[in-house]
C-alpha atoms as a PDB file:
ATOM      1  CA  MET A   1      54.345 144.778 -92.307  1.00  0.00           C
ATOM      2  CA  SER A   2      57.133 146.681 -94.043  1.00  0.00           C
ATOM      3  CA  ALA A   3      59.534 145.209 -96.568  1.00  0.00           C
ATOM      4  CA  GLU A   4      62.255 145.213 -93.911  1.00  0.00           C
ATOM      5  CA  GLN A   5      60.146 142.966 -91.677  1.00  0.00           C
ATOM      6  CA  HIS A   6      59.696 140.451 -94.477  1.00  0.00           C
ATOM      7  CA  ALA A   7      63.369 140.492 -95.489  1.00  0.00           C
ATOM      8  CA  PRO A   8      65.510 137.641 -94.180  1.00  0.00           C
ATOM      9  CA  THR A   9      68.165 138.282 -91.581  1.00  0.00           C
ATOM     10  CA  ALA A  10      71.848 137.954 -92.481  1.00  0.00           C
ATOM     11  CA  SER A  11      72.052 134.445 -91.014  1.00  0.00           C
ATOM     12  CA  GLU A  12      68.827 133.365 -92.751  1.00  0.00           C
ATOM     13  CA  TYR A  13      70.161 134.730 -96.045  1.00  0.00           C
ATOM     14  CA  ILE A  14      73.418 132.765 -95.762  1.00  0.00           C
ATOM     15  CA  VAL A  15      71.697 129.560 -94.598  1.00  0.00           C
ATOM     16  CA  HIS A  16      69.267 129.780 -97.516  1.00  0.00           C
ATOM     17  CA  HIS A  17      72.080 130.221-100.038  1.00  0.00           C
ATOM     18  CA  LEU A  18      74.053 127.326 -98.560  1.00  0.00           C
ATOM     19  CA  GLN A  19      71.133 124.912 -98.929  1.00  0.00           C
ATOM     20  CA  HIS A  20      71.253 122.546-101.912  1.00  0.00           C
ATOM     21  CA  LEU A  21      68.347 121.483-104.095  1.00  0.00           C
ATOM     22  CA  GLN A  22      68.082 117.963-102.676  1.00  0.00           C
ATOM     23  CA  ASN A  23      65.850 114.935-102.942  1.00  0.00           C
ATOM     24  CA  VAL A  24      65.629 114.566 -99.144  1.00  0.00           C
ATOM     25  CA  PRO A  25      66.915 116.665 -96.226  1.00  0.00           C
ATOM     26  CA  GLN A  26      70.369 115.678 -95.046  1.00  0.00           C
ATOM     27  CA  LYS A  27      70.197 113.987 -91.624  1.00  0.00           C
ATOM     28  CA  ALA A  28      73.858 113.240 -90.974  1.00  0.00           C
ATOM     29  CA  ILE A  29      77.314 114.474 -91.949  1.00  0.00           C
ATOM     30  CA  VAL A  30      77.678 111.422 -94.205  1.00  0.00           C
ATOM     31  CA  ASP A  31      74.331 110.596 -95.804  1.00  0.00           C
ATOM     32  CA  PHE A  32      74.516 108.680 -99.081  1.00  0.00           C
ATOM     33  CA  SER A  33      70.741 108.886 -99.551  1.00  0.00           C
ATOM     34  CA  VAL A  34      71.019 112.619-100.325  1.00  0.00           C
ATOM     35  CA  VAL A  35      71.374 113.734-103.932  1.00  0.00           C
ATOM     36  CA  ASN A  36      72.304 117.357-104.645  1.00  0.00           C
ATOM     37  CA  PHE A  37      70.495 117.896-107.930  1.00  0.00           C
ATOM     38  CA  ASP A  38      71.866 121.396-108.467  1.00  0.00           C
ATOM     39  CA  SER A  39      75.497 120.262-108.302  1.00  0.00           C
ATOM     40  CA  ILE A  40      74.870 117.300-110.610  1.00  0.00           C
ATOM     41  CA  VAL A  41      72.951 119.264-113.250  1.00  0.00           C
ATOM     42  CA  ILE A  42      75.249 122.295-113.301  1.00  0.00           C
ATOM     43  CA  ALA A  43      78.420 120.162-113.278  1.00  0.00           C
ATOM     44  CA  GLY A  44      77.006 118.028-116.099  1.00  0.00           C
ATOM     45  CA  LEU A  45      76.117 121.053-118.226  1.00  0.00           C
ATOM     46  CA  LEU A  46      79.523 122.630-117.639  1.00  0.00           C
ATOM     47  CA  GLY A  47      81.180 119.323-118.524  1.00  0.00           C
ATOM     48  CA  ILE A  48      79.392 119.412-121.875  1.00  0.00           C
ATOM     49  CA  VAL A  49      80.483 123.036-122.355  1.00  0.00           C
ATOM     50  CA  ALA A  50      84.108 122.085-121.600  1.00  0.00           C
ATOM     51  CA  VAL A  51      84.055 119.276-124.170  1.00  0.00           C
ATOM     52  CA  LEU A  52      82.416 121.520-126.771  1.00  0.00           C
ATOM     53  CA  LEU A  53      84.993 124.269-126.225  1.00  0.00           C
ATOM     54  CA  LEU A  54      87.859 121.843-126.723  1.00  0.00           C
ATOM     55  CA  LEU A  55      86.105 120.286-129.723  1.00  0.00           C
ATOM     56  CA  VAL A  56      85.606 123.679-131.365  1.00  0.00           C
ATOM     57  CA  ALA A  57      89.255 124.563-130.734  1.00  0.00           C
ATOM     58  CA  ALA A  58      90.403 121.280-132.287  1.00  0.00           C
ATOM     59  CA  ARG A  59      88.230 121.697-135.387  1.00  0.00           C
ATOM     60  CA  LYS A  60      89.220 125.317-135.961  1.00  0.00           C
ATOM     61  CA  ALA A  61      92.934 124.685-135.468  1.00  0.00           C
ATOM     62  CA  THR A  62      94.998 125.801-138.446  1.00  0.00           C
ATOM     63  CA  SER A  63      98.676 125.681-139.324  1.00  0.00           C
ATOM     64  CA  GLY A  64      98.663 129.403-140.047  1.00  0.00           C
ATOM     65  CA  VAL A  65      98.624 132.313-137.640  1.00  0.00           C
ATOM     66  CA  PRO A  66      96.308 131.243-134.801  1.00  0.00           C
ATOM     67  CA  GLY A  67      93.575 133.440-133.408  1.00  0.00           C
ATOM     68  CA  ARG A  68      93.384 134.368-129.745  1.00  0.00           C
ATOM     69  CA  PHE A  69      91.158 131.452-128.821  1.00  0.00           C
ATOM     70  CA  GLN A  70      93.302 128.919-130.663  1.00  0.00           C
ATOM     71  CA  ALA A  71      96.490 130.402-129.197  1.00  0.00           C
ATOM     72  CA  ALA A  72      95.060 130.202-125.664  1.00  0.00           C
ATOM     73  CA  VAL A  73      94.009 126.577-126.136  1.00  0.00           C
ATOM     74  CA  GLU A  74      97.393 125.660-127.647  1.00  0.00           C
ATOM     75  CA  ILE A  75      99.212 127.202-124.670  1.00  0.00           C
ATOM     76  CA  LEU A  76      96.939 125.284-122.309  1.00  0.00           C
ATOM     77  CA  VAL A  77      97.418 122.004-124.195  1.00  0.00           C
ATOM     78  CA  GLU A  78     101.195 122.443-124.229  1.00  0.00           C
ATOM     79  CA  MET A  79     101.246 123.214-120.510  1.00  0.00           C
ATOM     80  CA  VAL A  80      99.217 120.122-119.614  1.00  0.00           C
ATOM     81  CA  ASP A  81     101.230 117.931-121.991  1.00  0.00           C
ATOM     82  CA  ASN A  82     104.507 119.102-120.447  1.00  0.00           C
ATOM     83  CA  GLN A  83     103.235 118.352-116.949  1.00  0.00           C
ATOM     84  CA  ALA A  84     102.012 114.923-118.070  1.00  0.00           C
ATOM     85  CA  LYS A  85     105.434 114.122-119.575  1.00  0.00           C
ATOM     86  CA  ALA A  86     107.159 115.232-116.364  1.00  0.00           C
ATOM     87  CA  ASN A  87     105.059 112.944-114.174  1.00  0.00           C
ATOM     88  CA  ILE A  88     104.132 109.998-116.411  1.00  0.00           C
ATOM     89  CA  HIS A  89     106.923 108.397-118.401  1.00  0.00           C
ATOM     90  CA  SER A  90     104.724 105.919-120.274  1.00  0.00           C
ATOM     91  CA  ALA A  91     103.863 107.349-123.684  1.00  0.00           C
ATOM     92  CA  GLU A  92     100.979 104.913-124.005  1.00  0.00           C
ATOM     93  CA  SER A  93      99.426 106.053-120.728  1.00  0.00           C
ATOM     94  CA  ARG A  94      99.857 109.712-121.639  1.00  0.00           C
ATOM     95  CA  LYS A  95      97.594 109.228-124.667  1.00  0.00           C
ATOM     96  CA  PHE A  96      94.707 108.980-122.193  1.00  0.00           C
ATOM     97  CA  ILE A  97      95.990 110.838-119.137  1.00  0.00           C
ATOM     98  CA  ALA A  98      97.117 114.044-120.885  1.00  0.00           C
ATOM     99  CA  PRO A  99      93.691 114.706-122.519  1.00  0.00           C
ATOM    100  CA  LEU A 100      92.090 113.710-119.219  1.00  0.00           C
ATOM    101  CA  GLY A 101      94.186 116.302-117.370  1.00  0.00           C
ATOM    102  CA  LEU A 102      93.236 118.955-119.917  1.00  0.00           C
ATOM    103  CA  THR A 103      89.536 118.133-119.595  1.00  0.00           C
ATOM    104  CA  VAL A 104      89.739 118.125-115.791  1.00  0.00           C
ATOM    105  CA  PHE A 105      91.409 121.548-115.750  1.00  0.00           C
ATOM    106  CA  VAL A 106      88.882 123.151-118.107  1.00  0.00           C
ATOM    107  CA  TRP A 107      85.916 121.482-116.378  1.00  0.00           C
ATOM    108  CA  ILE A 108      86.950 122.476-112.867  1.00  0.00           C
ATOM    109  CA  PHE A 109      87.804 126.003-114.028  1.00  0.00           C
ATOM    110  CA  LEU A 110      84.298 126.391-115.472  1.00  0.00           C
ATOM    111  CA  MET A 111      82.710 125.041-112.288  1.00  0.00           C
ATOM    112  CA  ASN A 112      84.828 127.405-110.213  1.00  0.00           C
ATOM    113  CA  PHE A 113      83.987 130.292-112.550  1.00  0.00           C
ATOM    114  CA  MET A 114      80.317 130.021-111.596  1.00  0.00           C
ATOM    115  CA  ASP A 115      81.383 131.866-108.445  1.00  0.00           C
ATOM    116  CA  MET A 116      81.965 134.938-110.635  1.00  0.00           C
ATOM    117  CA  LEU A 117      78.245 135.282-111.328  1.00  0.00           C
ATOM    118  CA  PRO A 118      76.268 137.633-109.052  1.00  0.00           C
ATOM    119  CA  VAL A 119      75.490 135.571-105.992  1.00  0.00           C
ATOM    120  CA  ASP A 120      71.713 136.207-106.196  1.00  0.00           C
ATOM    121  CA  LEU A 121      71.267 136.038-109.980  1.00  0.00           C
ATOM    122  CA  LEU A 122      70.504 132.373-110.677  1.00  0.00           C
ATOM    123  CA  PRO A 123      68.906 131.661-107.256  1.00  0.00           C
ATOM    124  CA  ALA A 124      66.541 134.618-107.812  1.00  0.00           C
ATOM    125  CA  LEU A 125      65.587 133.376-111.287  1.00  0.00           C
ATOM    126  CA  TRP A 126      65.069 129.880-109.889  1.00  0.00           C
ATOM    127  CA  GLY A 127      62.908 131.341-107.098  1.00  0.00           C
ATOM    128  CA  GLN A 128      60.728 133.124-109.636  1.00  0.00           C
ATOM    129  CA  ALA A 129      60.293 129.949-111.661  1.00  0.00           C
ATOM    130  CA  TYR A 130      59.538 128.032-108.467  1.00  0.00           C
ATOM    131  CA  ALA A 131      56.889 130.583-107.453  1.00  0.00           C
ATOM    132  CA  ALA A 132      55.392 130.588-110.961  1.00  0.00           C
ATOM    133  CA  ALA A 133      54.892 126.834-110.608  1.00  0.00           C
ATOM    134  CA  GLY A 134      52.781 127.461-107.491  1.00  0.00           C
ATOM    135  CA  HIS A 135      55.389 126.589-104.865  1.00  0.00           C
ATOM    136  CA  ASP A 136      56.737 128.541-101.928  1.00  0.00           C
ATOM    137  CA  ALA A 137      59.680 130.571-103.236  1.00  0.00           C
ATOM    138  CA  SER A 138      61.333 130.493 -99.794  1.00  0.00           C
ATOM    139  CA  HIS A 139      62.037 126.794-100.415  1.00  0.00           C
ATOM    140  CA  ALA A 140      63.573 127.383-103.852  1.00  0.00           C
ATOM    141  CA  TYR A 141      67.121 126.321-103.031  1.00  0.00           C
ATOM    142  CA  LEU A 142      69.922 126.495-105.580  1.00  0.00           C
ATOM    143  CA  ARG A 143      73.718 126.496-105.265  1.00  0.00           C
ATOM    144  CA  VAL A 144      75.468 127.264-108.520  1.00  0.00           C
ATOM    145  CA  VAL A 145      79.115 126.404-107.690  1.00  0.00           C
ATOM    146  CA  PRO A 146      79.465 122.599-107.923  1.00  0.00           C
ATOM    147  CA  THR A 147      83.005 122.668-106.519  1.00  0.00           C
ATOM    148  CA  ALA A 148      81.698 124.313-103.334  1.00  0.00           C
ATOM    149  CA  ASP A 149      79.875 121.010-102.756  1.00  0.00           C
ATOM    150  CA  LEU A 150      82.015 118.440-100.944  1.00  0.00           C
ATOM    151  CA  SER A 151      80.255 115.558-102.671  1.00  0.00           C
ATOM    152  CA  THR A 152      81.427 116.916-106.044  1.00  0.00           C
ATOM    153  CA  THR A 153      85.069 117.426-105.121  1.00  0.00           C
ATOM    154  CA  LEU A 154      85.359 114.128-103.234  1.00  0.00           C
ATOM    155  CA  GLY A 155      83.666 112.390-106.159  1.00  0.00           C
ATOM    156  CA  LEU A 156      86.316 113.778-108.508  1.00  0.00           C
ATOM    157  CA  ALA A 157      89.079 112.784-106.092  1.00  0.00           C
ATOM    158  CA  PHE A 158      87.592 109.288-105.785  1.00  0.00           C
ATOM    159  CA  ALA A 159      87.608 108.966-109.591  1.00  0.00           C
ATOM    160  CA  VAL A 160      91.336 109.771-109.542  1.00  0.00           C
ATOM    161  CA  LEU A 161      91.808 107.111-106.845  1.00  0.00           C
ATOM    162  CA  VAL A 162      90.077 104.503-109.024  1.00  0.00           C
ATOM    163  CA  LEU A 163      92.397 105.412-111.896  1.00  0.00           C
ATOM    164  CA  ARG A 164      95.394 105.043-109.572  1.00  0.00           C
ATOM    165  CA  PHE A 165      94.271 101.508-108.733  1.00  0.00           C
ATOM    166  CA  TRP A 166      93.683 100.745-112.410  1.00  0.00           C
ATOM    167  CA  TYR A 167      97.130 101.880-113.525  1.00  0.00           C
ATOM    168  CA  SER A 168      98.822 100.218-110.544  1.00  0.00           C
ATOM    169  CA  VAL A 169      97.387  96.874-111.630  1.00  0.00           C
ATOM    170  CA  LYS A 170      97.923  97.547-115.340  1.00  0.00           C
ATOM    171  CA  ILE A 171     101.575  98.613-115.015  1.00  0.00           C
ATOM    172  CA  LYS A 172     102.757  96.396-112.162  1.00  0.00           C
ATOM    173  CA  GLY A 173     100.320  93.502-112.411  1.00  0.00           C
ATOM    174  CA  ALA A 174      98.004  92.414-109.606  1.00  0.00           C
ATOM    175  CA  GLY A 175     100.781  90.423-107.923  1.00  0.00           C
ATOM    176  CA  GLY A 176     103.347  93.193-108.243  1.00  0.00           C
ATOM    177  CA  TRP A 177     101.001  95.804-106.807  1.00  0.00           C
ATOM    178  CA  ALA A 178      99.958  93.492-103.973  1.00  0.00           C
ATOM    179  CA  HIS A 179     103.637  92.907-103.147  1.00  0.00           C
ATOM    180  CA  GLU A 180     104.233  96.651-103.155  1.00  0.00           C
ATOM    181  CA  LEU A 181     101.337  97.208-100.737  1.00  0.00           C
ATOM    182  CA  VAL A 182     102.930  94.960 -98.124  1.00  0.00           C
ATOM    183  CA  SER A 183     106.600  95.776 -98.773  1.00  0.00           C
ATOM    184  CA  ALA A 184     106.675  99.591 -98.959  1.00  0.00           C
ATOM    185  CA  PRO A 185     107.673 101.916 -97.423  1.00  0.00           C
ATOM    186  CA  PHE A 186     109.524  99.957 -94.705  1.00  0.00           C
ATOM    187  CA  GLY A 187     110.599  96.978 -96.804  1.00  0.00           C
ATOM    188  CA  THR A 188     110.328  93.353 -95.702  1.00  0.00           C
ATOM    189  CA  SER A 189     112.368  90.742 -93.847  1.00  0.00           C
ATOM    190  CA  LYS A 190     113.524  87.169 -94.377  1.00  0.00           C
ATOM    191  CA  ASN A 191     112.271  86.346 -90.896  1.00  0.00           C
ATOM    192  CA  PRO A 192     108.632  85.181 -91.290  1.00  0.00           C
ATOM    193  CA  ILE A 193     107.477  86.884 -88.077  1.00  0.00           C
ATOM    194  CA  PHE A 194     109.156  90.193 -88.911  1.00  0.00           C
ATOM    195  CA  ALA A 195     107.944  89.899 -92.488  1.00  0.00           C
ATOM    196  CA  LEU A 196     104.352  89.515 -91.246  1.00  0.00           C
ATOM    197  CA  ILE A 197     104.652  92.471 -88.891  1.00  0.00           C
ATOM    198  CA  LEU A 198     106.232  94.685 -91.544  1.00  0.00           C
ATOM    199  CA  GLY A 199     103.626  93.559 -94.068  1.00  0.00           C
ATOM    200  CA  VAL A 200     100.757  94.622 -91.808  1.00  0.00           C
ATOM    201  CA  VAL A 201     102.443  97.933 -90.975  1.00  0.00           C
ATOM    202  CA  ASN A 202     103.232  98.619 -94.642  1.00  0.00           C
ATOM    203  CA  LEU A 203      99.664  97.828 -95.675  1.00  0.00           C
ATOM    204  CA  LEU A 204      98.254 100.174 -93.010  1.00  0.00           C
ATOM    205  CA  MET A 205     100.624 102.927 -94.129  1.00  0.00           C
ATOM    206  CA  GLN A 206      99.593 102.434 -97.753  1.00  0.00           C
ATOM    207  CA  VAL A 207      95.896 102.585 -96.841  1.00  0.00           C
ATOM    208  CA  ILE A 208      96.460 105.745 -94.803  1.00  0.00           C
ATOM    209  CA  GLU A 209      98.373 107.305 -97.693  1.00  0.00           C
ATOM    210  CA  TYR A 210      95.647 106.532-100.230  1.00  0.00           C
ATOM    211  CA  VAL A 211      92.899 107.804 -97.933  1.00  0.00           C
ATOM    212  CA  ALA A 212      94.812 110.943 -96.940  1.00  0.00           C
ATOM    213  CA  ASN A 213      95.708 111.784-100.540  1.00  0.00           C
ATOM    214  CA  THR A 214      92.140 111.333-101.738  1.00  0.00           C
ATOM    215  CA  VAL A 215      90.516 113.271 -98.900  1.00  0.00           C
ATOM    216  CA  SER A 216      92.992 116.154 -99.091  1.00  0.00           C
ATOM    217  CA  HIS A 217      92.667 116.184-102.893  1.00  0.00           C
ATOM    218  CA  GLY A 218      88.936 116.813-102.666  1.00  0.00           C
ATOM    219  CA  MET A 219      88.912 118.900 -99.476  1.00  0.00           C
ATOM    220  CA  ARG A 220      91.470 121.422-100.783  1.00  0.00           C
ATOM    221  CA  LEU A 221      89.313 122.365-103.758  1.00  0.00           C
ATOM    222  CA  PHE A 222      86.113 122.337-101.715  1.00  0.00           C
ATOM    223  CA  GLY A 223      87.534 124.451 -98.892  1.00  0.00           C
ATOM    224  CA  ASN A 224      88.808 127.211-101.160  1.00  0.00           C
ATOM    225  CA  MET A 225      85.632 127.434-103.231  1.00  0.00           C
ATOM    226  CA  TYR A 226      83.345 127.220-100.192  1.00  0.00           C
ATOM    227  CA  ALA A 227      85.264 130.052 -98.516  1.00  0.00           C
ATOM    228  CA  GLY A 228      85.090 132.127-101.688  1.00  0.00           C
ATOM    229  CA  GLU A 229      81.354 131.572-101.911  1.00  0.00           C
ATOM    230  CA  LEU A 230      80.902 132.721 -98.305  1.00  0.00           C
ATOM    231  CA  VAL A 231      82.922 135.882 -98.904  1.00  0.00           C
ATOM    232  CA  PHE A 232      80.743 136.770-101.892  1.00  0.00           C
ATOM    233  CA  MET A 233      77.651 136.283 -99.710  1.00  0.00           C
ATOM    234  CA  LEU A 234      79.063 138.594 -97.054  1.00  0.00           C
ATOM    235  CA  ILE A 235      79.841 141.201 -99.701  1.00  0.00           C
ATOM    236  CA  ALA A 236      76.286 140.841-101.032  1.00  0.00           C
ATOM    237  CA  LEU A 237      74.964 141.410 -97.506  1.00  0.00           C
ATOM    238  CA  MET A 238      77.074 144.563 -97.345  1.00  0.00           C
ATOM    239  CA  GLY A 239      75.354 145.723-100.522  1.00  0.00           C
ATOM    240  CA  GLY A 240      71.961 144.887 -99.046  1.00  0.00           C
ATOM    241  CA  ALA A 241      72.761 146.877 -95.938  1.00  0.00           C
ATOM    242  CA  ALA A 242      73.871 149.757 -98.145  1.00  0.00           C
ATOM    243  CA  ALA A 243      70.557 149.622-100.029  1.00  0.00           C
ATOM    244  CA  LEU A 244      68.575 149.788 -96.764  1.00  0.00           C
ATOM    245  CA  SER A 245      70.736 152.505 -95.264  1.00  0.00           C
ATOM    246  CA  LEU A 246      69.422 156.030 -95.593  1.00  0.00           C
ATOM    247  CA  SER A 247      72.435 157.844 -94.215  1.00  0.00           C
ATOM    248  CA  GLY A 248      75.356 155.525 -94.882  1.00  0.00           C
ATOM    249  CA  VAL A 249      77.733 156.841 -97.518  1.00  0.00           C
ATOM    250  CA  LEU A 250      80.861 154.795 -96.981  1.00  0.00           C
ATOM    251  CA  LEU A 251      79.009 151.458 -96.853  1.00  0.00           C
ATOM    252  CA  PRO A 252      77.998 151.317-100.553  1.00  0.00           C
ATOM    253  CA  VAL A 253      81.454 152.557-101.537  1.00  0.00           C
ATOM    254  CA  GLY A 254      83.021 149.837 -99.403  1.00  0.00           C
ATOM    255  CA  HIS A 255      80.701 147.288-100.994  1.00  0.00           C
ATOM    256  CA  ILE A 256      81.842 148.212-104.486  1.00  0.00           C
ATOM    257  CA  ILE A 257      85.523 148.292-103.548  1.00  0.00           C
ATOM    258  CA  ALA A 258      85.385 145.017-101.603  1.00  0.00           C
ATOM    259  CA  GLY A 259      83.426 143.277-104.351  1.00  0.00           C
ATOM    260  CA  THR A 260      85.819 144.416-107.066  1.00  0.00           C
ATOM    261  CA  ILE A 261      88.980 143.488-105.133  1.00  0.00           C
ATOM    262  CA  TRP A 262      87.673 140.067-104.113  1.00  0.00           C
ATOM    263  CA  THR A 263      86.458 139.306-107.655  1.00  0.00           C
ATOM    264  CA  LEU A 264      89.863 140.124-109.152  1.00  0.00           C
ATOM    265  CA  PHE A 265      91.621 138.066-106.491  1.00  0.00           C
ATOM    266  CA  HIS A 266      89.156 135.196-106.850  1.00  0.00           C
ATOM    267  CA  ILE A 267      89.892 134.893-110.576  1.00  0.00           C
ATOM    268  CA  LEU A 268      93.403 133.885-109.562  1.00  0.00           C
ATOM    269  CA  VAL A 269      92.025 131.509-106.910  1.00  0.00           C
ATOM    270  CA  ILE A 270      89.668 129.639-109.239  1.00  0.00           C
ATOM    271  CA  THR A 271      92.401 129.243-111.865  1.00  0.00           C
ATOM    272  CA  LEU A 272      94.998 128.144-109.330  1.00  0.00           C
ATOM    273  CA  GLN A 273      92.657 125.617-107.725  1.00  0.00           C
ATOM    274  CA  ALA A 274      91.833 124.052-111.095  1.00  0.00           C
ATOM    275  CA  PHE A 275      95.558 123.823-111.865  1.00  0.00           C
ATOM    276  CA  ILE A 276      96.396 122.318-108.445  1.00  0.00           C
ATOM    277  CA  PHE A 277      93.679 119.668-108.731  1.00  0.00           C
ATOM    278  CA  MET A 278      94.889 118.711-112.214  1.00  0.00           C
ATOM    279  CA  MET A 279      98.549 118.637-111.116  1.00  0.00           C
ATOM    280  CA  LEU A 280      97.801 116.432-108.110  1.00  0.00           C
ATOM    281  CA  ALA A 281      95.838 114.076-110.357  1.00  0.00           C
ATOM    282  CA  LEU A 282      98.842 113.806-112.696  1.00  0.00           C
ATOM    283  CA  ILE A 283     101.237 113.311-109.780  1.00  0.00           C
ATOM    284  CA  TYR A 284      99.115 110.577-108.219  1.00  0.00           C
ATOM    285  CA  LEU A 285      98.717 108.794-111.548  1.00  0.00           C
ATOM    286  CA  GLY A 286     102.442 109.096-112.097  1.00  0.00           C
ATOM    287  CA  GLN A 287     103.056 107.466-108.701  1.00  0.00           C
ATOM    288  CA  ALA A 288     100.865 104.580-109.814  1.00  0.00           C
ATOM    289  CA  HIS A 289     103.338 103.983-112.647  1.00  0.00           C
ATOM    290  CA  ASN A 290     106.408 104.044-110.412  1.00  0.00           C
ATOM    291  CA  ALA A 291     107.626 101.336-108.069  1.00  0.00           C
ATOM    292  CA  HIS A 292     108.425 102.237-104.470  1.00  0.00           C
END
């Protein structure tokens, strides 16, 4: 057989690249028994990198003329601090939330930035290591963009939801928050029957709001990064077709142009998505401090 006969088709190539390194195959849309090891390991390593970068910037900070790295970090810190002050009026809470927002932005940016690597680079290296260990390289799955994994983005959004509950109880008290859940947004009534009806309706509306905010918070980041990952795969397929083509001239040129344009545009996307996720986290935490 020729090399072309052994090469995967376009659909097989995409399906292979969209498969996670998992403990067990996923059998349902929601399957909590599945663990995506690649997302966990890469996100964990990038989290350590984010903390180290901020730690290095803090230790090298001087009162003199800052270098480029220090200036960039100072601009980022000031931006996050200003957004935290605009949304959270409690100075005590900002001592934790502002650094949290900064860490979230840097961490998500680094996870998004993994999409800038050549789409076949790390999977190919992983496949070689997998084959060297005596396994079938065709089953060497690896996805390198943790934020293109819905379990990662929803996990981050769920962590923000837990913090919203924490600050709601801390700021308003358990009784005050419970009263808010059954009295907003439609208020209450002195009539016991109407008060009961409004309480149930208010509670349902509050539950819907929390669920909708959390799901959209995670889905927005996931959707943009997943789409970006797919576009890079399609561009890579264009390059593969160009490599196999003997007469095509415009195809490799189109591959280079498309890859360059999408990469430049995607730099804006990954930065914007990290900023949006951080801003929504600050807004939601600020709402937890405010009474309806």
